[in-house]
Amino acid sequence: EPLTPQDTHILSQPISSLIAGVQTSSLSPPDILTAYAKQ
């Protein structure tokens, strides 16, 4: 499916932000995987 706004936001983040998001539970690894697998 097309990228969602959440996917686009995830793809725009440096990995330091992704790591911080997962460590603080504001992001989930499955959601990050979905965005990057789509792209």
Full PDB file with SEQRES, HELIX, SHEET, SSBOND, CRYST1, ORIGX, SCALE, CONECT and MASTER records, all heavy atoms in Angstrom:
SEQRES   1 A   39  GLU PRO LEU THR PRO GLN ASP THR HIS ILE LEU SER GLN          
SEQRES   2 A   39  PRO ILE SER SER LEU ILE ALA GLY VAL GLN THR SER SER          
SEQRES   3 A   39  LEU SER PRO PRO ASP ILE LEU THR ALA TYR ALA LYS GLN          
HELIX    1 AA1 PRO A    5  SER A   12  1                                   8    
HELIX    2 AA2 ILE A   15  GLN A   23  1                                   9    
HELIX    3 AA3 PRO A   29  LYS A   38  1                                  10    
CRYST1    1.000    1.000    1.000  90.00  90.00  90.00 P 1           1          
ORIGX1      1.000000  0.000000  0.000000        0.00000                         
ORIGX2      0.000000  1.000000  0.000000        0.00000                         
ORIGX3      0.000000  0.000000  1.000000        0.00000                         
SCALE1      1.000000  0.000000  0.000000        0.00000                         
SCALE2      0.000000  1.000000  0.000000        0.00000                         
SCALE3      0.000000  0.000000  1.000000        0.00000                         
ATOM      1  N   GLU A   1       0.828  -1.203   0.000  1.00  0.00           N  
ATOM      2  CA  GLU A   1       0.000   0.000   0.000  1.00  0.00           C  
ATOM      3  C   GLU A   1       0.866   1.258   0.000  1.00  0.00           C  
ATOM      4  O   GLU A   1       2.056   1.199   0.336  1.00  0.00           O  
ATOM      5  CB  GLU A   1      -0.918  -0.015   1.235  1.00  0.00           C  
ATOM      6  CG  GLU A   1      -1.938  -1.155   1.212  1.00  0.00           C  
ATOM      7  CD  GLU A   1      -2.668  -1.303   2.539  1.00  0.00           C  
ATOM      8  OE1 GLU A   1      -2.322  -0.557   3.493  1.00  0.00           O  
ATOM      9  OE2 GLU A   1      -3.558  -2.172   2.628  1.00  0.00           O  
ATOM     10  N   PRO A   2       0.303   2.399  -0.383  1.00  0.00           N  
ATOM     11  CA  PRO A   2       1.071   3.651  -0.349  1.00  0.00           C  
ATOM     12  C   PRO A   2       1.550   3.969   1.060  1.00  0.00           C  
ATOM     13  O   PRO A   2       0.986   3.510   2.057  1.00  0.00           O  
ATOM     14  CB  PRO A   2       0.057   4.688  -0.851  1.00  0.00           C  
ATOM     15  CG  PRO A   2      -0.962   3.906  -1.607  1.00  0.00           C  
ATOM     16  CD  PRO A   2      -1.061   2.578  -0.917  1.00  0.00           C  
ATOM     17  N   LEU A   3       2.586   4.786   1.120  1.00  0.00           N  
ATOM     18  CA  LEU A   3       3.098   5.227   2.414  1.00  0.00           C  
ATOM     19  C   LEU A   3       2.053   6.053   3.150  1.00  0.00           C  
ATOM     20  O   LEU A   3       1.389   6.909   2.554  1.00  0.00           O  
ATOM     21  CB  LEU A   3       4.367   6.061   2.231  1.00  0.00           C  
ATOM     22  CG  LEU A   3       5.588   5.369   1.620  1.00  0.00           C  
ATOM     23  CD1 LEU A   3       6.708   6.380   1.401  1.00  0.00           C  
ATOM     24  CD2 LEU A   3       6.087   4.233   2.507  1.00  0.00           C  
ATOM     25  N   THR A   4       1.901   5.792   4.430  1.00  0.00           N  
ATOM     26  CA  THR A   4       1.002   6.589   5.263  1.00  0.00           C  
ATOM     27  C   THR A   4       1.770   7.784   5.810  1.00  0.00           C  
ATOM     28  O   THR A   4       3.010   7.822   5.756  1.00  0.00           O  
ATOM     29  CB  THR A   4       0.483   5.744   6.435  1.00  0.00           C  
ATOM     30  OG1 THR A   4       1.592   5.421   7.295  1.00  0.00           O  
ATOM     31  CG2 THR A   4      -0.182   4.470   5.946  1.00  0.00           C  
ATOM     32  N   PRO A   5       1.088   8.790   6.372  1.00  0.00           N  
ATOM     33  CA  PRO A   5       1.800   9.893   7.022  1.00  0.00           C  
ATOM     34  C   PRO A   5       2.760   9.405   8.118  1.00  0.00           C  
ATOM     35  O   PRO A   5       3.859   9.961   8.281  1.00  0.00           O  
ATOM     36  CB  PRO A   5       0.666  10.744   7.598  1.00  0.00           C  
ATOM     37  CG  PRO A   5      -0.484  10.493   6.678  1.00  0.00           C  
ATOM     38  CD  PRO A   5      -0.373   9.037   6.306  1.00  0.00           C  
ATOM     39  N   GLN A   6       2.352   8.362   8.856  1.00  0.00           N  
ATOM     40  CA  GLN A   6       3.246   7.821   9.873  1.00  0.00           C  
ATOM     41  C   GLN A   6       4.503   7.220   9.236  1.00  0.00           C  
ATOM     42  O   GLN A   6       5.618   7.424   9.730  1.00  0.00           O  
ATOM     43  CB  GLN A   6       2.545   6.755  10.713  1.00  0.00           C  
ATOM     44  CG  GLN A   6       3.450   6.176  11.820  1.00  0.00           C  
ATOM     45  CD  GLN A   6       2.811   4.998  12.531  1.00  0.00           C  
ATOM     46  OE1 GLN A   6       1.991   4.289  11.957  1.00  0.00           O  
ATOM     47  NE2 GLN A   6       3.174   4.801  13.786  1.00  0.00           N  
ATOM     48  N   ASP A   7       4.322   6.494   8.134  1.00  0.00           N  
ATOM     49  CA  ASP A   7       5.468   5.932   7.425  1.00  0.00           C  
ATOM     50  C   ASP A   7       6.424   7.039   6.987  1.00  0.00           C  
ATOM     51  O   ASP A   7       7.642   6.944   7.181  1.00  0.00           O  
ATOM     52  CB  ASP A   7       5.013   5.160   6.175  1.00  0.00           C  
ATOM     53  CG  ASP A   7       4.199   3.930   6.483  1.00  0.00           C  
ATOM     54  OD1 ASP A   7       4.381   3.346   7.576  1.00  0.00           O  
ATOM     55  OD2 ASP A   7       3.372   3.538   5.624  1.00  0.00           O  
ATOM     56  N   THR A   8       5.868   8.073   6.397  1.00  0.00           N  
ATOM     57  CA  THR A   8       6.691   9.181   5.905  1.00  0.00           C  
ATOM     58  C   THR A   8       7.454   9.840   7.035  1.00  0.00           C  
ATOM     59  O   THR A   8       8.635  10.195   6.888  1.00  0.00           O  
ATOM     60  CB  THR A   8       5.799  10.209   5.180  1.00  0.00           C  
ATOM     61  OG1 THR A   8       5.105   9.562   4.113  1.00  0.00           O  
ATOM     62  CG2 THR A   8       6.635  11.346   4.620  1.00  0.00           C  
ATOM     63  N   HIS A   9       6.801  10.000   8.172  1.00  0.00           N  
ATOM     64  CA  HIS A   9       7.467  10.592   9.326  1.00  0.00           C  
ATOM     65  C   HIS A   9       8.617   9.702   9.795  1.00  0.00           C  
ATOM     66  O   HIS A   9       9.728  10.196  10.065  1.00  0.00           O  
ATOM     67  CB  HIS A   9       6.472  10.793  10.468  1.00  0.00           C  
ATOM     68  CG  HIS A   9       7.106  11.280  11.742  1.00  0.00           C  
ATOM     69  ND1 HIS A   9       7.585  12.570  11.887  1.00  0.00           N  
ATOM     70  CD2 HIS A   9       7.347  10.636  12.926  1.00  0.00           C  
ATOM     71  CE1 HIS A   9       8.104  12.702  13.096  1.00  0.00           C  
ATOM     72  NE2 HIS A   9       7.972  11.550  13.745  1.00  0.00           N  
ATOM     73  N   ILE A  10       8.374   8.407   9.877  1.00  0.00           N  
ATOM     74  CA  ILE A  10       9.424   7.479  10.312  1.00  0.00           C  
ATOM     75  C   ILE A  10      10.610   7.519   9.353  1.00  0.00           C  
ATOM     76  O   ILE A  10      11.766   7.582   9.778  1.00  0.00           O  
ATOM     77  CB  ILE A  10       8.849   6.049  10.410  1.00  0.00           C  
ATOM     78  CG1 ILE A  10       7.937   5.938  11.635  1.00  0.00           C  
ATOM     79  CG2 ILE A  10       9.970   5.008  10.495  1.00  0.00           C  
ATOM     80  CD1 ILE A  10       7.161   4.621  11.702  1.00  0.00           C  
ATOM     81  N   LEU A  11      10.325   7.516   8.056  1.00  0.00           N  
ATOM     82  CA  LEU A  11      11.396   7.511   7.059  1.00  0.00           C  
ATOM     83  C   LEU A  11      12.222   8.787   7.084  1.00  0.00           C  
ATOM     84  O   LEU A  11      13.376   8.789   6.639  1.00  0.00           O  
ATOM     85  CB  LEU A  11      10.808   7.304   5.658  1.00  0.00           C  
ATOM     86  CG  LEU A  11      10.163   5.939   5.390  1.00  0.00           C  
ATOM     87  CD1 LEU A  11       9.415   5.961   4.067  1.00  0.00           C  
ATOM     88  CD2 LEU A  11      11.198   4.831   5.404  1.00  0.00           C  
ATOM     89  N   SER A  12      11.654   9.855   7.602  1.00  0.00           N  
ATOM     90  CA  SER A  12      12.370  11.139   7.628  1.00  0.00           C  
ATOM     91  C   SER A  12      13.294  11.280   8.839  1.00  0.00           C  
ATOM     92  O   SER A  12      14.090  12.224   8.899  1.00  0.00           O  
ATOM     93  CB  SER A  12      11.368  12.297   7.629  1.00  0.00           C  
ATOM     94  OG  SER A  12      10.682  12.378   8.886  1.00  0.00           O  
ATOM     95  N   GLN A  13      13.201  10.364   9.788  1.00  0.00           N  
ATOM     96  CA  GLN A  13      13.943  10.499  11.035  1.00  0.00           C  
ATOM     97  C   GLN A  13      15.331   9.868  10.958  1.00  0.00           C  
ATOM     98  O   GLN A  13      15.488   8.783  10.388  1.00  0.00           O  
ATOM     99  CB  GLN A  13      13.177   9.828  12.181  1.00  0.00           C  
ATOM    100  CG  GLN A  13      11.805  10.393  12.447  1.00  0.00           C  
ATOM    101  CD  GLN A  13      11.868  11.865  12.816  1.00  0.00           C  
ATOM    102  OE1 GLN A  13      12.506  12.242  13.796  1.00  0.00           O  
ATOM    103  NE2 GLN A  13      11.221  12.693  12.015  1.00  0.00           N  
ATOM    104  N   PRO A  14      16.359  10.515  11.527  1.00  0.00           N  
ATOM    105  CA  PRO A  14      17.662   9.849  11.636  1.00  0.00           C  
ATOM    106  C   PRO A  14      17.548   8.648  12.564  1.00  0.00           C  
ATOM    107  O   PRO A  14      16.619   8.569  13.379  1.00  0.00           O  
ATOM    108  CB  PRO A  14      18.561  10.936  12.227  1.00  0.00           C  
ATOM    109  CG  PRO A  14      17.627  11.841  12.964  1.00  0.00           C  
ATOM    110  CD  PRO A  14      16.349  11.844  12.174  1.00  0.00           C  
ATOM    111  N   ILE A  15      18.482   7.727  12.468  1.00  0.00           N  
ATOM    112  CA  ILE A  15      18.343   6.519  13.283  1.00  0.00           C  
ATOM    113  C   ILE A  15      18.475   6.822  14.774  1.00  0.00           C  
ATOM    114  O   ILE A  15      17.937   6.085  15.600  1.00  0.00           O  
ATOM    115  CB  ILE A  15      19.318   5.400  12.863  1.00  0.00           C  
ATOM    116  CG1 ILE A  15      20.780   5.800  13.091  1.00  0.00           C  
ATOM    117  CG2 ILE A  15      19.076   4.962  11.441  1.00  0.00           C  
ATOM    118  CD1 ILE A  15      21.738   4.616  12.953  1.00  0.00           C  
ATOM    119  N   SER A  16      19.146   7.905  15.130  1.00  0.00           N  
ATOM    120  CA  SER A  16      19.226   8.270  16.546  1.00  0.00           C  
ATOM    121  C   SER A  16      17.831   8.551  17.106  1.00  0.00           C  
ATOM    122  O   SER A  16      17.513   8.180  18.251  1.00  0.00           O  
ATOM    123  CB  SER A  16      20.128   9.491  16.741  1.00  0.00           C  
ATOM    124  OG  SER A  16      19.667  10.588  15.965  1.00  0.00           O  
ATOM    125  N   SER A  17      16.952   9.171  16.308  1.00  0.00           N  
ATOM    126  CA  SER A  17      15.579   9.442  16.743  1.00  0.00           C  
ATOM    127  C   SER A  17      14.761   8.162  16.808  1.00  0.00           C  
ATOM    128  O   SER A  17      13.931   7.986  17.714  1.00  0.00           O  
ATOM    129  CB  SER A  17      14.907  10.446  15.802  1.00  0.00           C  
ATOM    130  OG  SER A  17      15.564  11.698  15.846  1.00  0.00           O  
ATOM    131  N   LEU A  18      14.985   7.263  15.844  1.00  0.00           N  
ATOM    132  CA  LEU A  18      14.270   5.989  15.869  1.00  0.00           C  
ATOM    133  C   LEU A  18      14.641   5.190  17.122  1.00  0.00           C  
ATOM    134  O   LEU A  18      13.776   4.632  17.801  1.00  0.00           O  
ATOM    135  CB  LEU A  18      14.599   5.166  14.623  1.00  0.00           C  
ATOM    136  CG  LEU A  18      14.222   5.769  13.269  1.00  0.00           C  
ATOM    137  CD1 LEU A  18      14.616   4.816  12.148  1.00  0.00           C  
ATOM    138  CD2 LEU A  18      12.743   6.093  13.197  1.00  0.00           C  
ATOM    139  N   ILE A  19      15.935   5.167  17.432  1.00  0.00           N  
ATOM    140  CA  ILE A  19      16.402   4.435  18.613  1.00  0.00           C  
ATOM    141  C   ILE A  19      15.790   5.031  19.881  1.00  0.00           C  
ATOM    142  O   ILE A  19      15.271   4.309  20.744  1.00  0.00           O  
ATOM    143  CB  ILE A  19      17.938   4.473  18.680  1.00  0.00           C  
ATOM    144  CG1 ILE A  19      18.545   3.707  17.494  1.00  0.00           C  
ATOM    145  CG2 ILE A  19      18.443   3.883  20.006  1.00  0.00           C  
ATOM    146  CD1 ILE A  19      20.011   4.016  17.258  1.00  0.00           C  
ATOM    147  N   ALA A  20      15.829   6.364  19.980  1.00  0.00           N  
ATOM    148  CA  ALA A  20      15.261   7.026  21.159  1.00  0.00           C  
ATOM    149  C   ALA A  20      13.762   6.752  21.262  1.00  0.00           C  
ATOM    150  O   ALA A  20      13.235   6.532  22.366  1.00  0.00           O  
ATOM    151  CB  ALA A  20      15.533   8.532  21.095  1.00  0.00           C  
ATOM    152  N   GLY A  21      13.068   6.750  20.126  1.00  0.00           N  
ATOM    153  CA  GLY A  21      11.632   6.487  20.136  1.00  0.00           C  
ATOM    154  C   GLY A  21      11.309   5.089  20.622  1.00  0.00           C  
ATOM    155  O   GLY A  21      10.359   4.893  21.395  1.00  0.00           O  
ATOM    156  N   VAL A  22      12.091   4.106  20.188  1.00  0.00           N  
ATOM    157  CA  VAL A  22      11.858   2.731  20.639  1.00  0.00           C  
ATOM    158  C   VAL A  22      12.197   2.588  22.116  1.00  0.00           C  
ATOM    159  O   VAL A  22      11.460   1.951  22.884  1.00  0.00           O  
ATOM    160  CB  VAL A  22      12.682   1.740  19.788  1.00  0.00           C  
ATOM    161  CG1 VAL A  22      12.612   0.322  20.383  1.00  0.00           C  
ATOM    162  CG2 VAL A  22      12.175   1.730  18.349  1.00  0.00           C  
ATOM    163  N   GLN A  23      13.285   3.192  22.527  1.00  0.00           N  
ATOM    164  CA  GLN A  23      13.719   3.064  23.921  1.00  0.00           C  
ATOM    165  C   GLN A  23      12.738   3.721  24.891  1.00  0.00           C  
ATOM    166  O   GLN A  23      12.629   3.296  26.042  1.00  0.00           O  
ATOM    167  CB  GLN A  23      15.126   3.657  24.090  1.00  0.00           C  
ATOM    168  CG  GLN A  23      16.210   2.824  23.414  1.00  0.00           C  
ATOM    169  CD  GLN A  23      17.582   3.468  23.497  1.00  0.00           C  
ATOM    170  OE1 GLN A  23      17.702   4.665  23.765  1.00  0.00           O  
ATOM    171  NE2 GLN A  23      18.628   2.691  23.257  1.00  0.00           N  
ATOM    172  N   THR A  24      12.019   4.744  24.415  1.00  0.00           N  
ATOM    173  CA  THR A  24      11.037   5.419  25.278  1.00  0.00           C  
ATOM    174  C   THR A  24       9.606   4.959  24.984  1.00  0.00           C  
ATOM    175  O   THR A  24       8.651   5.538  25.515  1.00  0.00           O  
ATOM    176  CB  THR A  24      11.125   6.947  25.085  1.00  0.00           C  
ATOM    177  OG1 THR A  24      10.864   7.258  23.706  1.00  0.00           O  
ATOM    178  CG2 THR A  24      12.489   7.475  25.479  1.00  0.00           C  
ATOM    179  N   SER A  25       9.470   3.964  24.113  1.00  0.00           N  
ATOM    180  CA  SER A  25       8.174   3.363  23.759  1.00  0.00           C  
ATOM    181  C   SER A  25       7.245   4.272  22.970  1.00  0.00           C  
ATOM    182  O   SER A  25       6.045   4.014  22.875  1.00  0.00           O  
ATOM    183  CB  SER A  25       7.453   2.872  25.025  1.00  0.00           C  
ATOM    184  OG  SER A  25       8.229   1.883  25.675  1.00  0.00           O  
ATOM    185  N   SER A  26       7.785   5.351  22.390  1.00  0.00           N  
ATOM    186  CA  SER A  26       6.948   6.188  21.538  1.00  0.00           C  
ATOM    187  C   SER A  26       6.912   5.676  20.098  1.00  0.00           C  
ATOM    188  O   SER A  26       6.088   6.123  19.294  1.00  0.00           O  
ATOM    189  CB  SER A  26       7.439   7.640  21.562  1.00  0.00           C  
ATOM    190  OG  SER A  26       8.765   7.738  21.063  1.00  0.00           O  
ATOM    191  N   LEU A  27       7.796   4.758  19.776  1.00  0.00           N  
ATOM    192  CA  LEU A  27       7.806   4.095  18.484  1.00  0.00           C  
ATOM    193  C   LEU A  27       7.934   2.601  18.707  1.00  0.00           C  
ATOM    194  O   LEU A  27       8.563   2.163  19.680  1.00  0.00           O  
ATOM    195  CB  LEU A  27       8.992   4.566  17.630  1.00  0.00           C  
ATOM    196  CG  LEU A  27       8.869   5.874  16.844  1.00  0.00           C  
ATOM    197  CD1 LEU A  27      10.193   6.188  16.157  1.00  0.00           C  
ATOM    198  CD2 LEU A  27       7.750   5.796  15.815  1.00  0.00           C  
ATOM    199  N   SER A  28       7.388   1.817  17.799  1.00  0.00           N  
ATOM    200  CA  SER A  28       7.531   0.365  17.913  1.00  0.00           C  
ATOM    201  C   SER A  28       8.349  -0.167  16.752  1.00  0.00           C  
ATOM    202  O   SER A  28       8.199   0.304  15.608  1.00  0.00           O  
ATOM    203  CB  SER A  28       6.160  -0.315  17.932  1.00  0.00           C  
ATOM    204  OG  SER A  28       5.591  -0.320  16.645  1.00  0.00           O  
ATOM    205  N   PRO A  29       9.226  -1.153  16.987  1.00  0.00           N  
ATOM    206  CA  PRO A  29      10.012  -1.738  15.891  1.00  0.00           C  
ATOM    207  C   PRO A  29       9.160  -2.260  14.741  1.00  0.00           C  
ATOM    208  O   PRO A  29       9.548  -2.081  13.576  1.00  0.00           O  
ATOM    209  CB  PRO A  29      10.794  -2.851  16.595  1.00  0.00           C  
ATOM    210  CG  PRO A  29      10.960  -2.359  18.001  1.00  0.00           C  
ATOM    211  CD  PRO A  29       9.660  -1.662  18.306  1.00  0.00           C  
ATOM    212  N   PRO A  30       7.977  -2.898  14.991  1.00  0.00           N  
ATOM    213  CA  PRO A  30       7.172  -3.340  13.842  1.00  0.00           C  
ATOM    214  C   PRO A  30       6.716  -2.187  12.942  1.00  0.00           C  
ATOM    215  O   PRO A  30       6.682  -2.334  11.716  1.00  0.00           O  
ATOM    216  CB  PRO A  30       5.984  -4.045  14.498  1.00  0.00           C  
ATOM    217  CG  PRO A  30       6.533  -4.557  15.800  1.00  0.00           C  
ATOM    218  CD  PRO A  30       7.444  -3.459  16.258  1.00  0.00           C  
ATOM    219  N   ASP A  31       6.370  -1.044  13.533  1.00  0.00           N  
ATOM    220  CA  ASP A  31       5.963   0.100  12.719  1.00  0.00           C  
ATOM    221  C   ASP A  31       7.131   0.630  11.889  1.00  0.00           C  
ATOM    222  O   ASP A  31       6.960   1.027  10.728  1.00  0.00           O  
ATOM    223  CB  ASP A  31       5.413   1.218  13.610  1.00  0.00           C  
ATOM    224  CG  ASP A  31       4.031   0.894  14.180  1.00  0.00           C  
ATOM    225  OD1 ASP A  31       3.378  -0.029  13.662  1.00  0.00           O  
ATOM    226  OD2 ASP A  31       3.625   1.552  15.157  1.00  0.00           O  
ATOM    227  N   ILE A  32       8.310   0.661  12.495  1.00  0.00           N  
ATOM    228  CA  ILE A  32       9.501   1.118  11.765  1.00  0.00           C  
ATOM    229  C   ILE A  32       9.805   0.156  10.624  1.00  0.00           C  
ATOM    230  O   ILE A  32      10.093   0.574   9.493  1.00  0.00           O  
ATOM    231  CB  ILE A  32      10.709   1.232  12.716  1.00  0.00           C  
ATOM    232  CG1 ILE A  32      10.443   2.283  13.795  1.00  0.00           C  
ATOM    233  CG2 ILE A  32      11.971   1.580  11.936  1.00  0.00           C  
ATOM    234  CD1 ILE A  32      11.497   2.321  14.886  1.00  0.00           C  
ATOM    235  N   LEU A  33       9.731  -1.147  10.898  1.00  0.00           N  
ATOM    236  CA  LEU A  33       9.971  -2.146   9.858  1.00  0.00           C  
ATOM    237  C   LEU A  33       8.986  -1.977   8.704  1.00  0.00           C  
ATOM    238  O   LEU A  33       9.381  -2.041   7.526  1.00  0.00           O  
ATOM    239  CB  LEU A  33       9.848  -3.553  10.443  1.00  0.00           C  
ATOM    240  CG  LEU A  33       9.891  -4.697   9.424  1.00  0.00           C  
ATOM    241  CD1 LEU A  33      11.242  -4.748   8.723  1.00  0.00           C  
ATOM    242  CD2 LEU A  33       9.570  -6.024  10.088  1.00  0.00           C  
ATOM    243  N   THR A  34       7.720  -1.762   9.012  1.00  0.00           N  
ATOM    244  CA  THR A  34       6.712  -1.618   7.965  1.00  0.00           C  
ATOM    245  C   THR A  34       7.060  -0.469   7.030  1.00  0.00           C  
ATOM    246  O   THR A  34       7.006  -0.599   5.801  1.00  0.00           O  
ATOM    247  CB  THR A  34       5.322  -1.393   8.581  1.00  0.00           C  
ATOM    248  OG1 THR A  34       4.962  -2.542   9.350  1.00  0.00           O  
ATOM    249  CG2 THR A  34       4.266  -1.156   7.498  1.00  0.00           C  
ATOM    250  N   ALA A  35       7.429   0.670   7.606  1.00  0.00           N  
ATOM    251  CA  ALA A  35       7.760   1.845   6.787  1.00  0.00           C  
ATOM    252  C   ALA A  35       8.947   1.561   5.879  1.00  0.00           C  
ATOM    253  O   ALA A  35       8.921   1.853   4.673  1.00  0.00           O  
ATOM    254  CB  ALA A  35       8.050   3.046   7.687  1.00  0.00           C  
ATOM    255  N   TYR A  36       9.997   0.970   6.446  1.00  0.00           N  
ATOM    256  CA  TYR A  36      11.198   0.742   5.646  1.00  0.00           C  
ATOM    257  C   TYR A  36      11.020  -0.402   4.656  1.00  0.00           C  
ATOM    258  O   TYR A  36      11.578  -0.362   3.548  1.00  0.00           O  
ATOM    259  CB  TYR A  36      12.415   0.522   6.555  1.00  0.00           C  
ATOM    260  CG  TYR A  36      13.027   1.850   6.917  1.00  0.00           C  
ATOM    261  CD1 TYR A  36      12.681   2.499   8.093  1.00  0.00           C  
ATOM    262  CD2 TYR A  36      13.894   2.496   6.044  1.00  0.00           C  
ATOM    263  CE1 TYR A  36      13.200   3.744   8.403  1.00  0.00           C  
ATOM    264  CE2 TYR A  36      14.415   3.744   6.334  1.00  0.00           C  
ATOM    265  CZ  TYR A  36      14.070   4.361   7.517  1.00  0.00           C  
ATOM    266  OH  TYR A  36      14.573   5.602   7.799  1.00  0.00           O  
ATOM    267  N   ALA A  37      10.249  -1.417   5.007  1.00  0.00           N  
ATOM    268  CA  ALA A  37       9.988  -2.493   4.059  1.00  0.00           C  
ATOM    269  C   ALA A  37       9.207  -1.967   2.857  1.00  0.00           C  
ATOM    270  O   ALA A  37       9.490  -2.318   1.700  1.00  0.00           O  
ATOM    271  CB  ALA A  37       9.233  -3.628   4.742  1.00  0.00           C  
ATOM    272  N   LYS A  38       8.219  -1.117   3.116  1.00  0.00           N  
ATOM    273  CA  LYS A  38       7.463  -0.511   2.014  1.00  0.00           C  
ATOM    274  C   LYS A  38       8.393   0.261   1.072  1.00  0.00           C  
ATOM    275  O   LYS A  38       8.332   0.117  -0.151  1.00  0.00           O  
ATOM    276  CB  LYS A  38       6.406   0.459   2.564  1.00  0.00           C  
ATOM    277  CG  LYS A  38       5.153  -0.163   3.114  1.00  0.00           C  
ATOM    278  CD  LYS A  38       4.202   0.968   3.522  1.00  0.00           C  
ATOM    279  CE  LYS A  38       2.864   0.469   4.004  1.00  0.00           C  
ATOM    280  NZ  LYS A  38       1.976   1.611   4.335  1.00  0.00           N  
ATOM    281  N   GLN A  39       9.229   1.094   1.673  1.00  0.00           N  
ATOM    282  CA  GLN A  39      10.109   1.923   0.850  1.00  0.00           C  
ATOM    283  C   GLN A  39      11.168   1.078   0.140  1.00  0.00           C  
ATOM    284  O   GLN A  39      11.546   1.381  -0.999  1.00  0.00           O  
ATOM    285  CB  GLN A  39      10.780   3.002   1.709  1.00  0.00           C  
ATOM    286  CG  GLN A  39      11.570   4.042   0.927  1.00  0.00           C  
ATOM    287  CD  GLN A  39      10.695   4.899   0.016  1.00  0.00           C  
ATOM    288  OE1 GLN A  39       9.465   4.867   0.079  1.00  0.00           O  
ATOM    289  NE2 GLN A  39      11.339   5.669  -0.850  1.00  0.00           N  
TER     290      GLN A  39                                                      
MASTER        0    0    0    3    0    0    0    6  289    1    0    3          
END                                                                             
